[in-house]
């Protein structure tokens, strides 16, 4: 195995550990947690690179698979104060944090009123999330599932994420069955429908409306153990909700997710570095800020936090190529540092 292959293999192991950590904590995307100790240990070993036997690599894979298995089991409700702390640990999203906190307070007060046999309004917990890609909609939907589980609203608290392709079939009579199967998986948790507006106004022979009708019926039949969150671009989501009286009556909670500021995107990049054991060289920070300012001019194309993630992943790949081409001895500091060269090269591909 040559030097470049070894560096790439180690980088892939680091990214794999990082991905497993995020899936275990909150899923795909994101923020607010300290670096995984396993990732730190990997970096500490890198300076003394040695070839590993194939059976050792196989053992690593098996260990990862075994550790992921318990995730499939139903988890007990989490402490609501811990979930609030996690919420407020996210970067940006200040208005969303306030709205979620207010919703939690409202649910808890309703529960107390019910305990004293006082009248309580019917809990309508279905939501519309609007905003550009990469603004944290999926992340907050996942957290809401856990919050509802913690508060006793949902029995399981899982998130089932789907888009049009997961609901709509190509032939008459198939869409209802396909949508029903998705709903069954979501019972006890949150059904998160991304780009929900694609379910309407396609053509006369389109079956998106059949999926909508099936979802509306399921929301009525399972009102005590199913929450539906629909998401997408702001204007298109307004059109979607107003396209059907049934949607208007069931979705009356709206949360708008603003684009991240440049400072927030810098903080997200730093957080990803910290989680994975990297750091940005001092002389590269100004260049990173300049790149983010340029990329954010096309925020829809760049994708907010999603764009930051892609930029980070490309930067560490560029770093691996640069180190592999160098004859300098590998040190922990070299392996952790992202230079201006790495970031510029990543920006050209992001």
Protein backbone atom coordinates (compact mmCIF):
# COMPACT_ATOMS: atom_id res chain seq x y z
CA UNK A 1 0.00 0.00 0.00
CA UNK A 2 1.57 3.31 -1.06
CA UNK A 3 1.60 6.53 0.95
CA UNK A 4 -1.43 8.11 -0.74
CA UNK A 5 -3.57 4.98 -0.33
CA UNK A 6 -2.63 4.82 3.35
CA UNK A 7 -3.56 8.47 3.97
CA UNK A 8 -6.85 8.07 2.11
CA UNK A 9 -7.64 4.89 4.05
CA UNK A 10 -7.05 6.69 7.34
CA UNK A 11 -9.13 9.68 6.24
CA UNK A 12 -11.95 7.32 5.26
CA UNK A 13 -11.80 5.66 8.68
CA UNK A 14 -12.03 9.06 10.34
CA UNK A 15 -15.01 10.07 8.21
CA UNK A 16 -16.66 6.70 8.85
CA UNK A 17 -16.32 7.10 12.61
CA UNK A 18 -17.65 10.65 12.31
CA UNK A 19 -20.67 9.50 10.27
CA UNK A 20 -21.47 6.74 12.76
CA UNK A 21 -21.29 9.28 15.60
CA UNK A 22 -23.74 11.66 13.90
CA UNK A 23 -26.19 8.88 12.99
CA UNK A 24 -26.17 7.68 16.58
CA UNK A 25 -26.73 11.11 18.08
CA UNK A 26 -29.11 12.94 15.74
CA UNK A 27 -28.87 11.41 12.29
CA UNK A 28 -27.36 12.96 9.18
CA UNK A 29 -26.68 16.40 9.92
CA UNK A 30 -25.22 18.06 12.47
CA UNK A 31 -24.32 20.12 15.31
CA UNK A 32 -23.69 20.85 18.93
CA UNK A 33 -21.83 17.76 20.09
CA UNK A 34 -18.17 17.43 21.11
CA UNK A 35 -15.72 15.43 19.03
CA UNK A 36 -16.05 11.65 19.27
CA UNK A 37 -13.21 10.31 21.47
CA UNK A 38 -12.70 7.49 18.96
CA UNK A 39 -11.99 10.03 16.25
CA UNK A 40 -9.46 11.78 18.46
CA UNK A 41 -7.70 8.49 19.14
CA UNK A 42 -7.48 7.79 15.42
CA UNK A 43 -5.68 11.08 14.85
CA UNK A 44 -3.28 10.41 17.69
CA UNK A 45 -2.25 7.16 16.05
CA UNK A 46 -1.80 8.55 12.55
CA UNK A 47 1.72 9.96 13.04
CA UNK A 48 3.00 6.43 13.55
CA UNK A 49 1.44 4.87 10.45
CA UNK A 50 1.69 1.10 10.13
CA UNK A 51 0.05 -1.33 7.76
CA UNK A 52 -2.88 -3.19 9.26
CA UNK A 53 -3.78 -6.77 8.56
CA UNK A 54 -6.99 -7.39 6.59
CA UNK A 55 -8.51 -9.27 9.50
CA UNK A 56 -8.03 -6.21 11.74
CA UNK A 57 -9.87 -4.04 9.24
CA UNK A 58 -12.66 -6.62 9.09
CA UNK A 59 -12.87 -6.53 12.87
CA UNK A 60 -13.28 -2.75 12.75
CA UNK A 61 -16.16 -3.12 10.32
CA UNK A 62 -17.83 -5.78 12.44
CA UNK A 63 -17.43 -3.66 15.57
CA UNK A 64 -19.09 -0.71 13.81
CA UNK A 65 -21.97 -2.88 12.59
CA UNK A 66 -22.47 -4.37 16.05
CA UNK A 67 -22.51 -0.94 17.68
CA UNK A 68 -25.13 0.29 15.20
CA UNK A 69 -27.50 -2.64 15.79
CA UNK A 70 -29.06 -1.35 19.05
CA UNK A 71 -30.18 1.78 17.18
CA UNK A 72 -33.03 -0.25 15.67
CA UNK A 73 -34.50 -0.94 19.11
CA UNK A 74 -37.13 1.34 20.58
CA UNK A 75 -35.50 3.86 22.87
CA UNK A 76 -36.98 5.19 26.12
CA UNK A 77 -38.09 8.83 26.30
CA UNK A 78 -35.25 11.30 26.82
CA UNK A 79 -35.20 13.99 29.48
CA UNK A 80 -36.87 17.11 28.11
CA UNK A 81 -34.29 19.40 29.75
CA UNK A 82 -31.52 17.54 27.92
CA UNK A 83 -33.37 18.01 24.65
CA UNK A 84 -33.79 21.73 25.33
CA UNK A 85 -30.07 21.98 25.99
CA UNK A 86 -29.35 20.26 22.70
CA UNK A 87 -31.75 22.60 20.91
CA UNK A 88 -30.01 25.69 22.24
CA UNK A 89 -26.61 24.21 21.37
CA UNK A 90 -27.38 24.39 17.65
CA UNK A 91 -25.74 27.18 15.68
CA UNK A 92 -28.12 29.95 14.59
CA UNK A 93 -31.86 29.19 14.31
CA UNK A 94 -32.71 31.64 17.11
CA UNK A 95 -36.33 32.17 16.04
CA UNK A 96 -36.84 28.43 15.61
CA UNK A 97 -35.42 27.79 19.07
CA UNK A 98 -37.89 30.27 20.57
CA UNK A 99 -40.82 28.70 18.74
CA UNK A 100 -39.89 25.17 19.80
CA UNK A 101 -39.41 26.28 23.41
CA UNK A 102 -42.82 27.98 23.33
CA UNK A 103 -44.43 24.84 21.90
CA UNK A 104 -42.89 22.71 24.65
CA UNK A 105 -44.26 25.10 27.28
CA UNK A 106 -47.71 25.00 25.70
CA UNK A 107 -47.80 21.20 25.65
CA UNK A 108 -46.68 20.95 29.26
CA UNK A 109 -49.30 23.47 30.43
CA UNK A 110 -52.01 21.60 28.50
CA UNK A 111 -50.97 18.41 30.26
CA UNK A 112 -51.20 20.13 33.64
CA UNK A 113 -54.64 21.56 32.83
CA UNK A 114 -55.82 18.12 31.82
CA UNK A 115 -54.56 16.71 35.13
CA UNK A 116 -56.84 19.18 36.93
CA UNK A 117 -59.79 18.37 34.64
CA UNK A 118 -59.62 21.82 33.07
CA UNK A 119 -60.63 22.39 29.45
CA UNK A 120 -57.71 22.06 27.05
CA UNK A 121 -57.52 22.93 23.36
CA UNK A 122 -57.01 20.08 20.92
CA UNK A 123 -53.29 19.60 20.35
CA UNK A 124 -52.46 20.24 16.69
CA UNK A 125 -48.82 19.33 16.35
CA UNK A 126 -48.46 18.89 12.59
CA UNK A 127 -46.09 21.48 11.12
CA UNK A 128 -44.98 23.25 7.98
CA UNK A 129 -41.24 23.93 7.74
CA UNK A 130 -40.27 26.44 5.06
CA UNK A 131 -36.89 27.69 3.90
CA UNK A 132 -33.99 27.05 1.56
CA UNK A 133 -32.06 23.76 1.50
CA UNK A 134 -29.55 23.21 4.28
CA UNK A 135 -31.21 25.47 6.86
CA UNK A 136 -31.75 22.73 9.47
CA UNK A 137 -35.29 21.57 8.67
CA UNK A 138 -34.53 17.84 8.85
CA UNK A 139 -32.44 18.31 11.97
CA UNK A 140 -35.25 20.10 13.80
CA UNK A 141 -37.83 17.58 12.57
CA UNK A 142 -35.73 14.79 14.07
CA UNK A 143 -35.44 16.70 17.33
CA UNK A 144 -39.20 17.35 17.38
CA UNK A 145 -39.84 13.61 17.14
CA UNK A 146 -37.67 13.10 20.21
CA UNK A 147 -39.31 16.00 22.04
CA UNK A 148 -42.82 14.68 21.36
CA UNK A 149 -41.67 11.26 22.58
CA UNK A 150 -40.22 12.83 25.73
CA UNK A 151 -43.49 14.69 26.42
CA UNK A 152 -45.59 11.55 25.94
CA UNK A 153 -47.20 12.72 22.70
CA UNK A 154 -45.65 9.97 20.57
CA UNK A 155 -45.02 6.38 21.63
CA UNK A 156 -41.71 5.83 19.79
CA UNK A 157 -40.25 9.13 18.59
CA UNK A 158 -38.64 7.96 15.36
CA UNK A 159 -38.38 10.10 12.22
CA UNK A 160 -39.34 8.67 8.85
CA UNK A 161 -38.10 10.95 6.08
CA UNK A 162 -39.57 10.67 2.59
CA UNK A 163 -40.12 12.68 -0.57
CA UNK A 164 -42.45 12.31 -3.56
CA UNK A 165 -40.60 9.28 -4.92
CA UNK A 166 -41.22 7.40 -1.68
CA UNK A 167 -44.97 8.01 -1.77
CA UNK A 168 -46.15 8.13 -5.38
CA UNK A 169 -46.24 5.12 -7.70
CA UNK A 170 -46.46 5.08 -11.46
CA UNK A 171 -49.70 3.17 -11.92
CA UNK A 172 -53.33 3.50 -10.86
CA UNK A 173 -54.07 2.03 -7.43
CA UNK A 174 -50.45 1.66 -6.31
CA UNK A 175 -49.86 5.02 -4.65
CA UNK A 176 -52.26 4.48 -1.74
CA UNK A 177 -50.55 1.20 -0.86
CA UNK A 178 -47.07 2.69 -1.17
CA UNK A 179 -48.01 5.67 1.00
CA UNK A 180 -49.72 3.45 3.57
CA UNK A 181 -46.54 1.39 4.00
CA UNK A 182 -44.57 4.57 4.73
CA UNK A 183 -47.20 5.70 7.22
CA UNK A 184 -47.02 2.36 9.04
CA UNK A 185 -43.28 2.87 9.54
CA UNK A 186 -43.93 6.38 10.88
CA UNK A 187 -46.63 5.42 13.41
CA UNK A 188 -45.49 6.41 16.87
CA UNK A 189 -43.20 9.07 15.42
CA UNK A 190 -42.90 11.83 12.85
CA UNK A 191 -43.46 11.49 9.12
CA UNK A 192 -41.25 14.13 7.48
CA UNK A 193 -42.15 14.89 3.85
CA UNK A 194 -39.50 16.94 2.09
CA UNK A 195 -40.44 19.02 -0.96
CA UNK A 196 -44.08 18.21 -0.20
CA UNK A 197 -45.28 20.69 -2.85
CA UNK A 198 -44.22 18.19 -5.54
CA UNK A 199 -47.28 16.13 -4.60
CA UNK A 200 -49.65 18.60 -6.26
CA UNK A 201 -50.27 20.20 -9.66
CA UNK A 202 -48.33 17.75 -11.80
CA UNK A 203 -50.86 16.65 -14.40
CA UNK A 204 -54.30 15.13 -14.75
CA UNK A 205 -52.85 11.65 -14.66
CA UNK A 206 -50.58 12.32 -11.69
CA UNK A 207 -51.10 10.31 -8.49
CA UNK A 208 -49.71 12.84 -6.01
CA UNK A 209 -53.19 13.82 -4.85
CA UNK A 210 -53.86 10.18 -3.99
CA UNK A 211 -50.83 10.28 -1.67
CA UNK A 212 -52.10 13.51 -0.08
CA UNK A 213 -55.56 12.02 0.49
CA UNK A 214 -54.04 8.89 2.05
CA UNK A 215 -51.87 10.98 4.38
CA UNK A 216 -54.79 13.16 5.45
CA UNK A 217 -56.86 10.10 6.31
CA UNK A 218 -53.97 8.60 8.29
CA UNK A 219 -53.55 11.87 10.22
CA UNK A 220 -57.22 11.66 11.23
CA UNK A 221 -57.18 7.93 12.02
CA UNK A 222 -53.92 8.11 14.02
CA UNK A 223 -54.21 11.56 15.56
CA UNK A 224 -52.93 10.30 18.92
CA UNK A 225 -49.69 8.74 17.68
CA UNK A 226 -48.61 10.32 14.39
CA UNK A 227 -47.22 13.76 13.59
CA UNK A 228 -46.65 14.90 10.01
CA UNK A 229 -44.17 17.63 9.12
CA UNK A 230 -44.07 18.91 5.55
CA UNK A 231 -41.14 20.97 4.28
CA UNK A 232 -39.89 22.91 1.29
CA UNK A 233 -39.34 26.33 -0.23
CA UNK A 234 -41.45 29.05 1.41
CA UNK A 235 -43.59 30.19 -1.53
CA UNK A 236 -44.17 26.66 -2.81
CA UNK A 237 -45.17 25.40 0.63
CA UNK A 238 -47.76 28.16 0.97
CA UNK A 239 -49.18 27.11 -2.39
CA UNK A 240 -49.19 23.48 -1.27
CA UNK A 241 -51.05 24.12 2.00
CA UNK A 242 -53.67 26.35 0.33
CA UNK A 243 -54.28 23.81 -2.44
CA UNK A 244 -56.49 21.63 -0.25
CA UNK A 245 -58.94 22.51 2.57
CA UNK A 246 -57.89 19.34 4.37
CA UNK A 247 -54.28 20.50 4.43
CA UNK A 248 -55.25 23.97 5.62
CA UNK A 249 -57.26 22.58 8.52
CA UNK A 250 -54.55 20.20 9.73
CA UNK A 251 -51.41 22.28 9.25
CA UNK A 252 -51.62 25.47 11.26
CA UNK A 253 -48.11 25.61 12.72
CA UNK A 254 -45.54 27.26 10.48
CA UNK A 255 -41.82 27.57 11.11
CA UNK A 256 -39.62 29.52 8.71
CA UNK A 257 -35.94 28.61 8.59
CA UNK A 258 -33.78 31.59 7.55
CA UNK A 259 -30.52 31.26 5.66
CA UNK A 260 -27.40 31.03 7.80
CA UNK A 261 -25.25 34.14 8.11
CA UNK A 262 -21.57 34.09 7.10
CA UNK A 263 -20.52 34.05 10.76
CA UNK A 264 -22.85 31.10 11.41
CA UNK A 265 -21.46 29.20 8.43
CA UNK A 266 -17.91 29.83 9.67
CA UNK A 267 -18.97 28.48 13.06
CA UNK A 268 -20.46 25.40 11.38
CA UNK A 269 -17.21 24.80 9.48
CA UNK A 270 -15.24 25.15 12.73
CA UNK A 271 -17.62 22.75 14.46
CA UNK A 272 -17.14 20.14 11.76
CA UNK A 273 -13.40 20.57 12.10
CA UNK A 274 -13.64 20.14 15.85
CA UNK A 275 -15.84 17.06 15.59
CA UNK A 276 -13.40 15.37 13.19
CA UNK A 277 -10.08 16.49 14.65
CA UNK A 278 -9.13 19.17 12.11
CA UNK A 279 -8.34 22.86 12.36
CA UNK A 280 -8.08 25.74 9.90
CA UNK A 281 -4.67 27.36 9.57
CA UNK A 282 -4.64 30.95 10.82
CA UNK A 283 -3.66 32.35 7.43
CA UNK A 284 -6.53 30.45 5.75
CA UNK A 285 -9.42 31.85 7.77
CA UNK A 286 -9.80 35.04 5.74
CA UNK A 287 -9.86 33.01 2.54
CA UNK A 288 -12.49 30.67 3.98
CA UNK A 289 -14.68 33.64 4.90
CA UNK A 290 -14.26 35.12 1.41
CA UNK A 291 -15.27 31.82 -0.19
CA UNK A 292 -18.36 31.52 1.99
CA UNK A 293 -19.37 35.08 1.13
CA UNK A 294 -19.06 34.32 -2.58
CA UNK A 295 -20.84 30.98 -2.35
CA UNK A 296 -23.69 32.44 -0.30
CA UNK A 297 -24.62 34.73 -3.19
CA UNK A 298 -26.25 31.60 -4.63
CA UNK A 299 -27.52 30.27 -1.32
CA UNK A 300 -30.03 27.95 -2.98
CA UNK A 301 -27.31 26.32 -5.03
CA UNK A 302 -24.71 26.31 -2.27
CA UNK A 303 -27.15 24.95 0.28
CA UNK A 304 -26.34 26.77 3.54
CA UNK A 305 -25.08 24.26 6.13
CA UNK A 306 -25.19 21.52 3.50
CA UNK A 307 -22.79 23.56 1.36
CA UNK A 308 -20.49 24.05 4.36
CA UNK A 309 -20.47 20.30 4.94
CA UNK A 310 -19.57 19.63 1.30
CA UNK A 311 -16.84 22.26 1.39
CA UNK A 312 -15.38 20.70 4.53
CA UNK A 313 -15.42 17.17 3.10
CA UNK A 314 -13.74 18.32 -0.11
CA UNK A 315 -11.14 20.26 1.88
CA UNK A 316 -10.04 17.19 3.82
CA UNK A 317 -9.88 15.21 0.57
CA UNK A 318 -7.66 17.93 -0.93
CA UNK A 319 -5.52 17.82 2.18
CA UNK A 320 -5.05 14.06 1.76
CA UNK A 321 -3.91 14.52 -1.86
CA UNK A 322 -1.51 17.31 -0.84
CA UNK A 323 0.06 15.27 1.95
CA UNK A 324 0.33 12.19 -0.23
CA UNK A 325 2.33 14.16 -2.80
CA UNK A 326 4.71 15.55 -0.17
CA UNK A 327 7.92 13.91 1.03
CA UNK A 328 7.72 15.62 4.43
CA UNK A 329 7.32 13.32 7.44
CA UNK A 330 3.71 13.03 8.55
CA UNK A 331 2.96 14.53 11.93
CA UNK A 332 -0.22 14.93 13.91
CA UNK A 333 -0.17 18.69 13.27
CA UNK A 334 0.15 18.25 9.50
CA UNK A 335 -2.67 15.73 9.42
CA UNK A 336 -4.96 18.03 11.41
CA UNK A 337 -4.32 21.31 9.57
CA UNK A 338 -6.36 22.52 6.60
CA UNK A 339 -4.40 25.12 4.64
CA UNK A 340 -5.43 27.93 2.31
CA UNK A 341 -4.39 25.67 -0.56
CA UNK A 342 -6.76 22.91 0.61
CA UNK A 343 -9.70 25.27 1.02
CA UNK A 344 -9.22 27.02 -2.32
CA UNK A 345 -8.95 23.71 -4.13
CA UNK A 346 -12.10 22.48 -2.36
CA UNK A 347 -14.00 25.66 -3.26
CA UNK A 348 -13.35 25.08 -6.96
CA UNK A 349 -15.09 21.70 -6.68
CA UNK A 350 -17.85 22.59 -4.19
